[in-house]
Amino acid sequence: MTSATVPRRRAQSIAATLPPGHEQPATDPSARKGELHQNAVQALRAMIVTGELAPGERLNERELCARLNVSRTPIREAIKTLAQDGLLQVWPNRSPVVMPLESAQTQALVEVVAAIEALAGELCATRITDTQVADLGVLHYTMMRHHAEGDLRAYFEANKAFHRLIIECAGNPVLVWVWDLLALRVDRARYSSNLRPERWRQASAEHACVLERMAARDAPGAAHALRGHLRAGLSQVVQTLVEAEQAVTSKAGDPLG
């Protein structure tokens, strides 16, 4: 009997004693690879959205590997995914760069997303169930708790869930698809809009108004509240970007600068 036979027989013996349906799962390399890729995508996306990786910053693959404790392959695959999502710029033989936030493009996104969420609010108010209204209420109070604790990251996750639930309750799969596509690009602006304490407080009040309109099944009111909510927050981000771009242009044109 060889030394390899004993462990193999022991493994077969153990498997035989397990009840039906509880056999030891086989290791699937492709599943593990997919998990590593998805985890890397989520981690890098969060770092970009929160500004941990700033607009215009060059990515260092080696540093990211050490930071996320993964090999280069998941990082490189994640970079490809985030480039397709419009969050990274990539070129051959050069380090990828976090996509800059530009005022014109951000303004264009604000206009489209505000219109989409207004339409979703109108549809949702006519179709939402009492249970779904209660779910929105839970998310709203979750946001209020995170706001009181000053936890912007947790607030942002609850905020995104609040808006997505409204999109889902609108009952239009095309609307969900378009919102998911644009949300990847507008998340950075949404997150940064709440970095100002006064805006964060105002956003909480606006969510309460949206919830009230949904509970009342007020379709025009819900649409108006959501459109105003999006514009109020993101227009401040656009204005900040405009001022920053003007400052750069002014400095470039100053011979003494």
C-alpha atoms as a PDB file:
ATOM      1  CA  MET A   1       0.000   0.000   0.000  1.00  0.00           C
ATOM      2  CA  THR A   2       1.477   3.371  -0.993  1.00  0.00           C
ATOM      3  CA  SER A   3       1.556   6.403   1.271  1.00  0.00           C
ATOM      4  CA  ALA A   4      -0.870   8.205  -1.077  1.00  0.00           C
ATOM      5  CA  THR A   5      -3.472   5.449  -0.741  1.00  0.00           C
ATOM      6  CA  VAL A   6      -4.069   5.999   2.975  1.00  0.00           C
ATOM      7  CA  PRO A   7      -5.154   9.661   2.770  1.00  0.00           C
ATOM      8  CA  ARG A   8      -7.279   8.903  -0.288  1.00  0.00           C
ATOM      9  CA  ARG A   9      -9.091   6.045   1.473  1.00  0.00           C
ATOM     10  CA  ARG A  10      -9.512   8.176   4.586  1.00  0.00           C
ATOM     11  CA  ALA A  11     -11.112  10.941   2.533  1.00  0.00           C
ATOM     12  CA  GLN A  12     -13.444   8.410   0.890  1.00  0.00           C
ATOM     13  CA  SER A  13     -14.349   6.999   4.314  1.00  0.00           C
ATOM     14  CA  ILE A  14     -15.175  10.450   5.698  1.00  0.00           C
ATOM     15  CA  ALA A  15     -17.296  11.309   2.649  1.00  0.00           C
ATOM     16  CA  ALA A  16     -19.198   8.026   3.056  1.00  0.00           C
ATOM     17  CA  THR A  17     -20.218   8.956   6.615  1.00  0.00           C
ATOM     18  CA  LEU A  18     -21.721  12.307   5.635  1.00  0.00           C
ATOM     19  CA  PRO A  19     -25.532  12.415   5.299  1.00  0.00           C
ATOM     20  CA  PRO A  20     -27.008  12.898   1.802  1.00  0.00           C
ATOM     21  CA  GLY A  21     -26.733  16.483   0.625  1.00  0.00           C
ATOM     22  CA  HIS A  22     -23.783  17.253   2.949  1.00  0.00           C
ATOM     23  CA  GLU A  23     -20.941  15.928   0.854  1.00  0.00           C
ATOM     24  CA  GLN A  24     -17.784  18.015   0.940  1.00  0.00           C
ATOM     25  CA  PRO A  25     -17.907  20.512  -1.934  1.00  0.00           C
ATOM     26  CA  ALA A  26     -15.257  20.208  -4.599  1.00  0.00           C
ATOM     27  CA  THR A  27     -12.962  23.170  -5.058  1.00  0.00           C
ATOM     28  CA  ASP A  28     -13.863  25.028  -8.249  1.00  0.00           C
ATOM     29  CA  PRO A  29     -10.883  27.126  -9.415  1.00  0.00           C
ATOM     30  CA  SER A  30     -13.029  29.154 -11.819  1.00  0.00           C
ATOM     31  CA  ALA A  31     -15.486  30.034  -9.042  1.00  0.00           C
ATOM     32  CA  ARG A  32     -12.631  31.133  -6.795  1.00  0.00           C
ATOM     33  CA  LYS A  33     -11.183  33.246  -9.599  1.00  0.00           C
ATOM     34  CA  GLY A  34     -14.552  34.896 -10.177  1.00  0.00           C
ATOM     35  CA  GLU A  35     -14.904  35.655  -6.482  1.00  0.00           C
ATOM     36  CA  LEU A  36     -11.471  37.287  -6.336  1.00  0.00           C
ATOM     37  CA  HIS A  37     -12.305  39.388  -9.397  1.00  0.00           C
ATOM     38  CA  GLN A  38     -15.651  40.522  -7.975  1.00  0.00           C
ATOM     39  CA  ASN A  39     -14.134  41.377  -4.600  1.00  0.00           C
ATOM     40  CA  ALA A  40     -11.413  43.412  -6.298  1.00  0.00           C
ATOM     41  CA  VAL A  41     -13.994  45.271  -8.415  1.00  0.00           C
ATOM     42  CA  GLN A  42     -16.099  46.125  -5.360  1.00  0.00           C
ATOM     43  CA  ALA A  43     -13.090  47.251  -3.324  1.00  0.00           C
ATOM     44  CA  LEU A  44     -11.645  49.468  -6.066  1.00  0.00           C
ATOM     45  CA  ARG A  45     -15.063  50.903  -6.930  1.00  0.00           C
ATOM     46  CA  ALA A  46     -15.631  51.867  -3.286  1.00  0.00           C
ATOM     47  CA  MET A  47     -12.192  53.509  -3.139  1.00  0.00           C
ATOM     48  CA  ILE A  48     -13.009  55.561  -6.251  1.00  0.00           C
ATOM     49  CA  VAL A  49     -16.517  56.547  -5.130  1.00  0.00           C
ATOM     50  CA  THR A  50     -15.385  57.702  -1.688  1.00  0.00           C
ATOM     51  CA  GLY A  51     -12.393  59.607  -3.068  1.00  0.00           C
ATOM     52  CA  GLU A  52      -9.833  57.334  -1.449  1.00  0.00           C
ATOM     53  CA  LEU A  53      -8.565  57.047  -5.009  1.00  0.00           C
ATOM     54  CA  ALA A  54      -8.908  60.639  -6.172  1.00  0.00           C
ATOM     55  CA  PRO A  55      -9.948  61.811  -9.659  1.00  0.00           C
ATOM     56  CA  GLY A  56      -6.869  61.929 -11.870  1.00  0.00           C
ATOM     57  CA  GLU A  57      -4.826  59.662  -9.583  1.00  0.00           C
ATOM     58  CA  ARG A  58      -2.613  57.020 -11.188  1.00  0.00           C
ATOM     59  CA  LEU A  59      -3.061  53.459  -9.924  1.00  0.00           C
ATOM     60  CA  ASN A  60      -0.085  51.437  -8.766  1.00  0.00           C
ATOM     61  CA  GLU A  61      -0.867  47.742  -9.307  1.00  0.00           C
ATOM     62  CA  ARG A  62       1.749  46.550  -6.842  1.00  0.00           C
ATOM     63  CA  GLU A  63       0.423  48.784  -4.072  1.00  0.00           C
ATOM     64  CA  LEU A  64      -3.162  47.725  -4.784  1.00  0.00           C
ATOM     65  CA  CYS A  65      -2.174  44.049  -4.658  1.00  0.00           C
ATOM     66  CA  ALA A  66      -0.608  44.556  -1.237  1.00  0.00           C
ATOM     67  CA  ARG A  67      -3.554  46.638  -0.049  1.00  0.00           C
ATOM     68  CA  LEU A  68      -6.185  44.101  -1.095  1.00  0.00           C
ATOM     69  CA  ASN A  69      -3.988  41.049  -0.482  1.00  0.00           C
ATOM     70  CA  VAL A  70      -4.516  39.602  -3.955  1.00  0.00           C
ATOM     71  CA  SER A  71      -2.332  38.786  -6.954  1.00  0.00           C
ATOM     72  CA  ARG A  72      -2.060  41.033  -9.999  1.00  0.00           C
ATOM     73  CA  THR A  73      -4.536  39.040 -12.100  1.00  0.00           C
ATOM     74  CA  PRO A  74      -7.703  40.011 -10.129  1.00  0.00           C
ATOM     75  CA  ILE A  75      -6.494  43.621  -9.991  1.00  0.00           C
ATOM     76  CA  ARG A  76      -5.920  43.776 -13.744  1.00  0.00           C
ATOM     77  CA  GLU A  77      -9.311  42.194 -14.468  1.00  0.00           C
ATOM     78  CA  ALA A  78     -10.979  44.640 -12.061  1.00  0.00           C
ATOM     79  CA  ILE A  79      -9.276  47.546 -13.832  1.00  0.00           C
ATOM     80  CA  LYS A  80     -10.738  46.353 -17.153  1.00  0.00           C
ATOM     81  CA  THR A  81     -14.226  46.169 -15.613  1.00  0.00           C
ATOM     82  CA  LEU A  82     -14.011  49.632 -14.049  1.00  0.00           C
ATOM     83  CA  ALA A  83     -12.716  51.096 -17.317  1.00  0.00           C
ATOM     84  CA  GLN A  84     -15.824  49.723 -19.032  1.00  0.00           C
ATOM     85  CA  ASP A  85     -17.921  51.309 -16.264  1.00  0.00           C
ATOM     86  CA  GLY A  86     -16.352  54.694 -17.028  1.00  0.00           C
ATOM     87  CA  LEU A  87     -14.491  54.990 -13.721  1.00  0.00           C
ATOM     88  CA  LEU A  88     -10.947  54.469 -15.015  1.00  0.00           C
ATOM     89  CA  GLN A  89      -8.946  55.576 -18.036  1.00  0.00           C
ATOM     90  CA  VAL A  90      -6.567  52.989 -19.482  1.00  0.00           C
ATOM     91  CA  TRP A  91      -3.865  53.144 -22.168  1.00  0.00           C
ATOM     92  CA  PRO A  92      -1.359  50.555 -23.424  1.00  0.00           C
ATOM     93  CA  ASN A  93       1.843  50.409 -21.364  1.00  0.00           C
ATOM     94  CA  ARG A  94       0.711  53.122 -18.962  1.00  0.00           C
ATOM     95  CA  SER A  95      -0.754  53.101 -15.486  1.00  0.00           C
ATOM     96  CA  PRO A  96      -4.551  53.426 -15.353  1.00  0.00           C
ATOM     97  CA  VAL A  97      -5.925  56.725 -14.069  1.00  0.00           C
ATOM     98  CA  VAL A  98      -9.074  57.444 -12.083  1.00  0.00           C
ATOM     99  CA  MET A  99     -11.484  59.202 -14.431  1.00  0.00           C
ATOM    100  CA  PRO A 100     -11.499  62.938 -13.667  1.00  0.00           C
ATOM    101  CA  LEU A 101     -14.768  64.539 -12.607  1.00  0.00           C
ATOM    102  CA  GLU A 102     -15.609  67.203 -15.197  1.00  0.00           C
ATOM    103  CA  SER A 103     -18.318  69.804 -14.735  1.00  0.00           C
ATOM    104  CA  ALA A 104     -19.893  69.448 -18.194  1.00  0.00           C
ATOM    105  CA  GLN A 105     -20.146  65.670 -18.049  1.00  0.00           C
ATOM    106  CA  THR A 106     -21.402  65.729 -14.457  1.00  0.00           C
ATOM    107  CA  GLN A 107     -24.047  68.308 -15.378  1.00  0.00           C
ATOM    108  CA  ALA A 108     -25.195  66.090 -18.249  1.00  0.00           C
ATOM    109  CA  LEU A 109     -25.466  63.137 -15.856  1.00  0.00           C
ATOM    110  CA  VAL A 110     -27.453  65.224 -13.363  1.00  0.00           C
ATOM    111  CA  GLU A 111     -30.011  66.158 -16.013  1.00  0.00           C
ATOM    112  CA  VAL A 112     -30.534  62.568 -17.134  1.00  0.00           C
ATOM    113  CA  VAL A 113     -30.536  60.941 -13.692  1.00  0.00           C
ATOM    114  CA  ALA A 114     -32.904  63.596 -12.294  1.00  0.00           C
ATOM    115  CA  ALA A 115     -35.344  62.886 -15.131  1.00  0.00           C
ATOM    116  CA  ILE A 116     -35.041  59.116 -14.661  1.00  0.00           C
ATOM    117  CA  GLU A 117     -35.620  59.280 -10.905  1.00  0.00           C
ATOM    118  CA  ALA A 118     -38.560  61.664 -11.364  1.00  0.00           C
ATOM    119  CA  LEU A 119     -40.173  59.196 -13.779  1.00  0.00           C
ATOM    120  CA  ALA A 120     -39.436  56.343 -11.383  1.00  0.00           C
ATOM    121  CA  GLY A 121     -41.010  58.305  -8.537  1.00  0.00           C
ATOM    122  CA  GLU A 122     -44.150  58.935 -10.556  1.00  0.00           C
ATOM    123  CA  LEU A 123     -44.515  55.279 -11.531  1.00  0.00           C
ATOM    124  CA  CYS A 124     -43.551  54.000  -8.106  1.00  0.00           C
ATOM    125  CA  ALA A 125     -46.141  56.121  -6.281  1.00  0.00           C
ATOM    126  CA  THR A 126     -48.922  54.488  -8.306  1.00  0.00           C
ATOM    127  CA  ARG A 127     -47.627  50.927  -7.898  1.00  0.00           C
ATOM    128  CA  ILE A 128     -45.897  50.731  -4.528  1.00  0.00           C
ATOM    129  CA  THR A 129     -47.364  48.403  -1.896  1.00  0.00           C
ATOM    130  CA  ASP A 130     -47.748  49.064   1.821  1.00  0.00           C
ATOM    131  CA  THR A 131     -44.934  46.611   2.503  1.00  0.00           C
ATOM    132  CA  GLN A 132     -42.637  48.433   0.103  1.00  0.00           C
ATOM    133  CA  VAL A 133     -43.502  51.773   1.706  1.00  0.00           C
ATOM    134  CA  ALA A 134     -42.526  50.235   5.030  1.00  0.00           C
ATOM    135  CA  ASP A 135     -39.242  49.039   3.507  1.00  0.00           C
ATOM    136  CA  LEU A 136     -38.525  52.573   2.297  1.00  0.00           C
ATOM    137  CA  GLY A 137     -39.265  53.800   5.803  1.00  0.00           C
ATOM    138  CA  VAL A 138     -36.751  51.365   7.288  1.00  0.00           C
ATOM    139  CA  LEU A 139     -34.078  52.566   4.864  1.00  0.00           C
ATOM    140  CA  HIS A 140     -34.900  56.199   5.637  1.00  0.00           C
ATOM    141  CA  TYR A 141     -34.531  55.690   9.393  1.00  0.00           C
ATOM    142  CA  THR A 142     -31.356  53.704   8.770  1.00  0.00           C
ATOM    143  CA  MET A 143     -29.977  56.731   6.925  1.00  0.00           C
ATOM    144  CA  MET A 144     -31.033  58.995   9.791  1.00  0.00           C
ATOM    145  CA  ARG A 145     -29.151  56.790  12.258  1.00  0.00           C
ATOM    146  CA  HIS A 146     -26.002  56.805  10.144  1.00  0.00           C
ATOM    147  CA  HIS A 147     -26.284  60.578   9.753  1.00  0.00           C
ATOM    148  CA  ALA A 148     -26.535  60.994  13.514  1.00  0.00           C
ATOM    149  CA  GLU A 149     -23.441  58.804  13.909  1.00  0.00           C
ATOM    150  CA  GLY A 150     -21.562  60.707  11.206  1.00  0.00           C
ATOM    151  CA  ASP A 151     -20.987  57.500   9.243  1.00  0.00           C
ATOM    152  CA  LEU A 152     -21.052  58.739   5.645  1.00  0.00           C
ATOM    153  CA  ARG A 153     -20.028  55.422   4.066  1.00  0.00           C
ATOM    154  CA  ALA A 154     -22.839  53.493   5.770  1.00  0.00           C
ATOM    155  CA  TYR A 155     -25.254  56.330   5.002  1.00  0.00           C
ATOM    156  CA  PHE A 156     -24.289  56.212   1.335  1.00  0.00           C
ATOM    157  CA  GLU A 157     -25.019  52.469   1.108  1.00  0.00           C
ATOM    158  CA  ALA A 158     -28.459  52.932   2.695  1.00  0.00           C
ATOM    159  CA  ASN A 159     -29.081  55.955   0.479  1.00  0.00           C
ATOM    160  CA  LYS A 160     -28.316  53.986  -2.666  1.00  0.00           C
ATOM    161  CA  ALA A 161     -30.600  51.160  -1.491  1.00  0.00           C
ATOM    162  CA  PHE A 162     -33.382  53.733  -0.861  1.00  0.00           C
ATOM    163  CA  HIS A 163     -33.153  55.125  -4.396  1.00  0.00           C
ATOM    164  CA  ARG A 164     -32.814  51.712  -6.014  1.00  0.00           C
ATOM    165  CA  LEU A 165     -35.900  50.409  -4.219  1.00  0.00           C
ATOM    166  CA  ILE A 166     -37.873  53.273  -5.733  1.00  0.00           C
ATOM    167  CA  ILE A 167     -36.521  52.339  -9.169  1.00  0.00           C
ATOM    168  CA  GLU A 168     -37.480  48.689  -8.627  1.00  0.00           C
ATOM    169  CA  CYS A 169     -40.965  49.556  -7.374  1.00  0.00           C
ATOM    170  CA  ALA A 170     -41.589  51.560 -10.549  1.00  0.00           C
ATOM    171  CA  GLY A 171     -42.035  48.158 -12.205  1.00  0.00           C
ATOM    172  CA  ASN A 172     -40.138  49.013 -15.396  1.00  0.00           C
ATOM    173  CA  PRO A 173     -37.140  46.766 -16.190  1.00  0.00           C
ATOM    174  CA  VAL A 174     -35.744  49.205 -18.775  1.00  0.00           C
ATOM    175  CA  LEU A 175     -35.717  51.929 -16.133  1.00  0.00           C
ATOM    176  CA  VAL A 176     -33.815  49.636 -13.756  1.00  0.00           C
ATOM    177  CA  TRP A 177     -31.269  48.793 -16.457  1.00  0.00           C
ATOM    178  CA  VAL A 178     -30.623  52.440 -17.379  1.00  0.00           C
ATOM    179  CA  TRP A 179     -30.413  53.533 -13.730  1.00  0.00           C
ATOM    180  CA  ASP A 180     -27.926  50.789 -12.865  1.00  0.00           C
ATOM    181  CA  LEU A 181     -25.767  51.815 -15.815  1.00  0.00           C
ATOM    182  CA  LEU A 182     -25.723  55.508 -14.913  1.00  0.00           C
ATOM    183  CA  ALA A 183     -25.477  54.985 -11.159  1.00  0.00           C
ATOM    184  CA  LEU A 184     -21.932  53.664 -11.585  1.00  0.00           C
ATOM    185  CA  ARG A 185     -20.911  57.047 -13.011  1.00  0.00           C
ATOM    186  CA  VAL A 186     -22.926  59.338 -10.781  1.00  0.00           C
ATOM    187  CA  ASP A 187     -22.067  57.661  -7.459  1.00  0.00           C
ATOM    188  CA  ARG A 188     -18.928  59.759  -6.968  1.00  0.00           C
ATOM    189  CA  ALA A 189     -20.877  62.995  -7.308  1.00  0.00           C
ATOM    190  CA  ARG A 190     -23.614  61.703  -4.994  1.00  0.00           C
ATOM    191  CA  TYR A 191     -21.097  60.754  -2.339  1.00  0.00           C
ATOM    192  CA  SER A 192     -19.184  64.022  -2.474  1.00  0.00           C
ATOM    193  CA  SER A 193     -22.405  66.073  -2.336  1.00  0.00           C
ATOM    194  CA  ASN A 194     -22.927  64.931   1.251  1.00  0.00           C
ATOM    195  CA  LEU A 195     -19.423  65.864   2.391  1.00  0.00           C
ATOM    196  CA  ARG A 196     -20.865  69.285   3.310  1.00  0.00           C
ATOM    197  CA  PRO A 197     -22.691  69.014   6.667  1.00  0.00           C
ATOM    198  CA  GLU A 198     -25.446  71.444   5.665  1.00  0.00           C
ATOM    199  CA  ARG A 199     -26.169  69.508   2.463  1.00  0.00           C
ATOM    200  CA  TRP A 200     -26.213  66.224   4.354  1.00  0.00           C
ATOM    201  CA  ARG A 201     -28.872  67.583   6.722  1.00  0.00           C
ATOM    202  CA  GLN A 202     -30.917  68.909   3.816  1.00  0.00           C
ATOM    203  CA  ALA A 203     -30.731  65.563   1.993  1.00  0.00           C
ATOM    204  CA  SER A 204     -32.180  63.788   5.041  1.00  0.00           C
ATOM    205  CA  ALA A 205     -35.155  66.168   5.048  1.00  0.00           C
ATOM    206  CA  GLU A 206     -35.666  65.617   1.319  1.00  0.00           C
ATOM    207  CA  HIS A 207     -35.745  61.837   1.808  1.00  0.00           C
ATOM    208  CA  ALA A 208     -38.475  62.300   4.411  1.00  0.00           C
ATOM    209  CA  CYS A 209     -40.492  64.283   1.859  1.00  0.00           C
ATOM    210  CA  VAL A 210     -40.050  61.567  -0.779  1.00  0.00           C
ATOM    211  CA  LEU A 211     -41.205  58.920   1.704  1.00  0.00           C
ATOM    212  CA  GLU A 212     -44.241  61.019   2.607  1.00  0.00           C
ATOM    213  CA  ARG A 213     -45.244  61.423  -1.063  1.00  0.00           C
ATOM    214  CA  MET A 214     -44.892  57.663  -1.637  1.00  0.00           C
ATOM    215  CA  ALA A 215     -47.022  56.835   1.385  1.00  0.00           C
ATOM    216  CA  ALA A 216     -49.680  59.251   0.094  1.00  0.00           C
ATOM    217  CA  ARG A 217     -49.503  57.680  -3.418  1.00  0.00           C
ATOM    218  CA  ASP A 218     -48.930  61.213  -4.734  1.00  0.00           C
ATOM    219  CA  ALA A 219     -47.349  60.559  -8.153  1.00  0.00           C
ATOM    220  CA  PRO A 220     -46.764  64.205  -9.210  1.00  0.00           C
ATOM    221  CA  GLY A 221     -45.510  65.062  -5.729  1.00  0.00           C
ATOM    222  CA  ALA A 222     -43.107  62.119  -5.673  1.00  0.00           C
ATOM    223  CA  ALA A 223     -41.715  63.043  -9.093  1.00  0.00           C
ATOM    224  CA  HIS A 224     -41.246  66.671  -8.033  1.00  0.00           C
ATOM    225  CA  ALA A 225     -39.582  65.693  -4.746  1.00  0.00           C
ATOM    226  CA  LEU A 226     -37.098  63.318  -6.392  1.00  0.00           C
ATOM    227  CA  ARG A 227     -36.209  65.707  -9.214  1.00  0.00           C
ATOM    228  CA  GLY A 228     -35.601  68.495  -6.721  1.00  0.00           C
ATOM    229  CA  HIS A 229     -33.606  66.204  -4.433  1.00  0.00           C
ATOM    230  CA  LEU A 230     -31.225  65.165  -7.234  1.00  0.00           C
ATOM    231  CA  ARG A 231     -30.745  68.679  -8.533  1.00  0.00           C
ATOM    232  CA  ALA A 232     -30.217  70.219  -5.104  1.00  0.00           C
ATOM    233  CA  GLY A 233     -27.402  67.862  -4.202  1.00  0.00           C
ATOM    234  CA  LEU A 234     -25.604  67.362  -7.474  1.00  0.00           C
ATOM    235  CA  SER A 235     -25.847  70.954  -8.712  1.00  0.00           C
ATOM    236  CA  GLN A 236     -23.584  71.965  -5.822  1.00  0.00           C
ATOM    237  CA  VAL A 237     -21.032  69.404  -6.970  1.00  0.00           C
ATOM    238  CA  VAL A 238     -21.197  70.781 -10.521  1.00  0.00           C
ATOM    239  CA  GLN A 239     -20.673  74.332  -9.247  1.00  0.00           C
ATOM    240  CA  THR A 240     -17.634  73.237  -7.233  1.00  0.00           C
ATOM    241  CA  LEU A 241     -16.174  71.555 -10.329  1.00  0.00           C
ATOM    242  CA  VAL A 242     -16.809  74.663 -12.433  1.00  0.00           C
ATOM    243  CA  GLU A 243     -15.010  76.848  -9.893  1.00  0.00           C
ATOM    244  CA  ALA A 244     -12.071  74.436  -9.726  1.00  0.00           C
ATOM    245  CA  GLU A 245     -11.771  74.359 -13.518  1.00  0.00           C
ATOM    246  CA  GLN A 246     -11.928  78.158 -13.708  1.00  0.00           C
ATOM    247  CA  ALA A 247      -9.196  78.425 -11.083  1.00  0.00           C
ATOM    248  CA  VAL A 248      -6.933  76.109 -13.088  1.00  0.00           C
ATOM    249  CA  THR A 249      -7.596  78.054 -16.302  1.00  0.00           C
ATOM    250  CA  SER A 250      -6.937  81.352 -14.558  1.00  0.00           C
ATOM    251  CA  LYS A 251      -3.683  80.115 -13.084  1.00  0.00           C
ATOM    252  CA  ALA A 252      -2.533  78.740 -16.437  1.00  0.00           C
ATOM    253  CA  GLY A 253      -3.151  82.122 -18.054  1.00  0.00           C
ATOM    254  CA  ASP A 254      -1.318  84.054 -15.340  1.00  0.00           C
ATOM    255  CA  PRO A 255       2.300  84.679 -16.450  1.00  0.00           C
ATOM    256  CA  LEU A 256       3.293  85.175 -12.803  1.00  0.00           C
ATOM    257  CA  GLY A 257       1.593  81.938 -11.711  1.00  0.00           C
END
